[in-house]
Amino acid sequence: FLSIGDSVEAEILTLDREERRMSLGIKQLTKDPWLDLLTKYPLQSKHFGTVRNFTNFGIFVELEEGVDGLVHISDLSWTKKVKHPSEFINVGDKMEVMVLEADLENRKLSLGHKQTL
């Protein structure tokens, strides 16, 4: 991502003159993708995302940087009984998902895969 000596634009987050320290932030310079999430990802819309992580209860899929959602294990297949998501897909794979619910306040996105079939 970054290497020593790279030039970057950043926003000053905190400044402590006594300790001679400052905190900088890069992501504060970009628009928060959750602000207009339902415009880009309306409920019941289909999208492709990248599988980022497995849990015992589902798969986390990234739709874009800063926006990921959970496909619950029960929303993977209409016909197969999936015991663990690793039986179904691999981390890094592309997966078609449907937006089922969006909790913008808590930044949670519920996705489904079987609904795309």
Protein backbone atom coordinates (compact mmCIF):
# COMPACT_ATOMS: atom_id res chain seq x y z
CA PHE A 1 0.00 0.00 0.00
CA LEU A 2 2.56 2.59 1.12
CA SER A 3 6.33 2.56 1.33
CA ILE A 4 8.73 4.70 3.33
CA GLY A 5 9.40 7.92 1.42
CA ASP A 6 6.05 7.94 -0.43
CA SER A 7 4.24 11.27 -0.60
CA VAL A 8 0.57 11.17 0.42
CA GLU A 9 -2.21 13.61 1.14
CA ALA A 10 -3.65 13.24 4.63
CA GLU A 11 -5.95 14.99 7.07
CA ILE A 12 -4.70 15.95 10.52
CA LEU A 13 -6.82 14.07 13.06
CA THR A 14 -5.12 15.05 16.33
CA LEU A 15 -2.29 17.37 17.25
CA ASP A 16 -0.46 17.16 20.61
CA ARG A 17 2.02 20.05 20.83
CA GLU A 18 3.41 19.01 24.23
CA GLU A 19 4.23 15.46 23.10
CA ARG A 20 5.12 16.69 19.60
CA ARG A 21 2.81 14.11 18.04
CA MET A 22 0.12 14.18 15.39
CA SER A 23 -2.25 11.61 13.97
CA LEU A 24 -3.00 11.64 10.27
CA GLY A 25 -5.76 9.96 8.30
CA ILE A 26 -5.90 9.09 4.62
CA LYS A 27 -9.39 7.57 4.42
CA GLN A 28 -10.96 10.80 5.69
CA LEU A 29 -10.15 12.37 2.31
CA THR A 30 -12.43 9.95 0.45
CA LYS A 31 -16.21 9.87 0.50
CA ASP A 32 -17.79 7.45 2.97
CA PRO A 33 -19.37 4.71 0.79
CA TRP A 34 -22.09 4.09 3.42
CA LEU A 35 -23.57 7.59 2.94
CA ASP A 36 -25.28 6.68 -0.34
CA LEU A 37 -25.19 2.90 0.01
CA LEU A 38 -28.83 2.26 -0.90
CA THR A 39 -28.48 4.37 -4.04
CA LYS A 40 -25.67 2.16 -5.30
CA TYR A 41 -26.91 -1.09 -3.71
CA PRO A 42 -30.73 -0.93 -3.46
CA LEU A 43 -32.60 -3.67 -1.61
CA GLN A 44 -33.22 -6.76 -3.79
CA SER A 45 -30.47 -5.72 -6.25
CA LYS A 46 -27.87 -8.24 -7.47
CA HIS A 47 -24.12 -7.62 -7.44
CA PHE A 48 -20.82 -9.46 -7.62
CA GLY A 49 -18.44 -9.28 -4.68
CA THR A 50 -15.26 -10.92 -3.43
CA VAL A 51 -15.29 -13.50 -0.64
CA ARG A 52 -13.13 -12.06 2.14
CA ASN A 53 -13.64 -14.28 5.18
CA PHE A 54 -15.50 -17.30 6.55
CA THR A 55 -17.18 -17.77 9.89
CA ASN A 56 -19.16 -20.76 11.16
CA PHE A 57 -22.34 -18.83 10.42
CA GLY A 58 -21.58 -17.42 6.97
CA ILE A 59 -19.39 -15.62 4.48
CA PHE A 60 -18.25 -11.99 4.44
CA VAL A 61 -18.35 -10.59 0.91
CA GLU A 62 -16.77 -7.27 -0.08
CA LEU A 63 -18.80 -5.31 -2.64
CA GLU A 64 -16.30 -2.44 -2.78
CA GLU A 65 -13.58 -1.07 -0.54
CA GLY A 66 -15.20 -0.20 2.78
CA VAL A 67 -18.47 -2.03 2.05
CA ASP A 68 -18.89 -5.67 2.94
CA GLY A 69 -21.80 -7.76 4.03
CA LEU A 70 -22.66 -11.13 5.47
CA VAL A 71 -24.18 -14.00 3.53
CA HIS A 72 -25.68 -16.18 6.26
CA ILE A 73 -24.98 -19.89 5.82
CA SER A 74 -28.74 -20.49 5.38
CA ASP A 75 -28.73 -18.09 2.40
CA LEU A 76 -26.11 -20.01 0.39
CA SER A 77 -28.23 -22.72 -1.25
CA TRP A 78 -31.86 -23.73 -1.64
CA THR A 79 -31.01 -27.42 -2.00
CA LYS A 80 -27.66 -28.19 -0.31
CA LYS A 81 -27.17 -28.37 3.45
CA VAL A 82 -23.91 -26.42 3.88
CA LYS A 83 -22.12 -27.26 7.15
CA HIS A 84 -19.27 -24.77 6.70
CA PRO A 85 -18.87 -22.07 4.01
CA SER A 86 -15.49 -23.50 2.96
CA GLU A 87 -17.42 -26.44 1.44
CA PHE A 88 -19.19 -24.00 -0.85
CA ILE A 89 -16.62 -21.41 -2.05
CA ASN A 90 -13.04 -20.22 -1.49
CA VAL A 91 -11.69 -16.97 -0.04
CA GLY A 92 -10.88 -14.61 -2.92
CA ASP A 93 -13.55 -16.03 -5.24
CA LYS A 94 -16.16 -13.82 -6.87
CA MET A 95 -19.72 -14.45 -5.73
CA GLU A 96 -23.08 -13.15 -6.91
CA VAL A 97 -25.18 -11.80 -4.05
CA MET A 98 -28.48 -10.01 -3.50
CA VAL A 99 -28.91 -7.19 -1.00
CA LEU A 100 -31.50 -8.41 1.52
CA GLU A 101 -31.28 -5.86 4.34
CA ALA A 102 -29.24 -2.76 5.17
CA ASP A 103 -28.65 -1.35 8.65
CA LEU A 104 -26.91 1.93 7.79
CA GLU A 105 -26.62 3.10 11.39
CA ASN A 106 -24.64 0.00 12.42
CA ARG A 107 -23.05 -0.45 8.98
CA LYS A 108 -24.37 -3.97 8.51
CA LEU A 109 -25.40 -5.41 5.19
CA SER A 110 -27.31 -8.71 4.90
CA LEU A 111 -26.67 -10.48 1.62
CA GLY A 112 -28.01 -13.67 0.09
CA HIS A 113 -26.65 -15.96 -2.59
CA LYS A 114 -29.48 -18.46 -3.11
CA GLN A 115 -31.79 -15.56 -3.97
CA THR A 116 -29.73 -14.91 -7.13
CA LEU A 117 -30.41 -18.39 -8.54
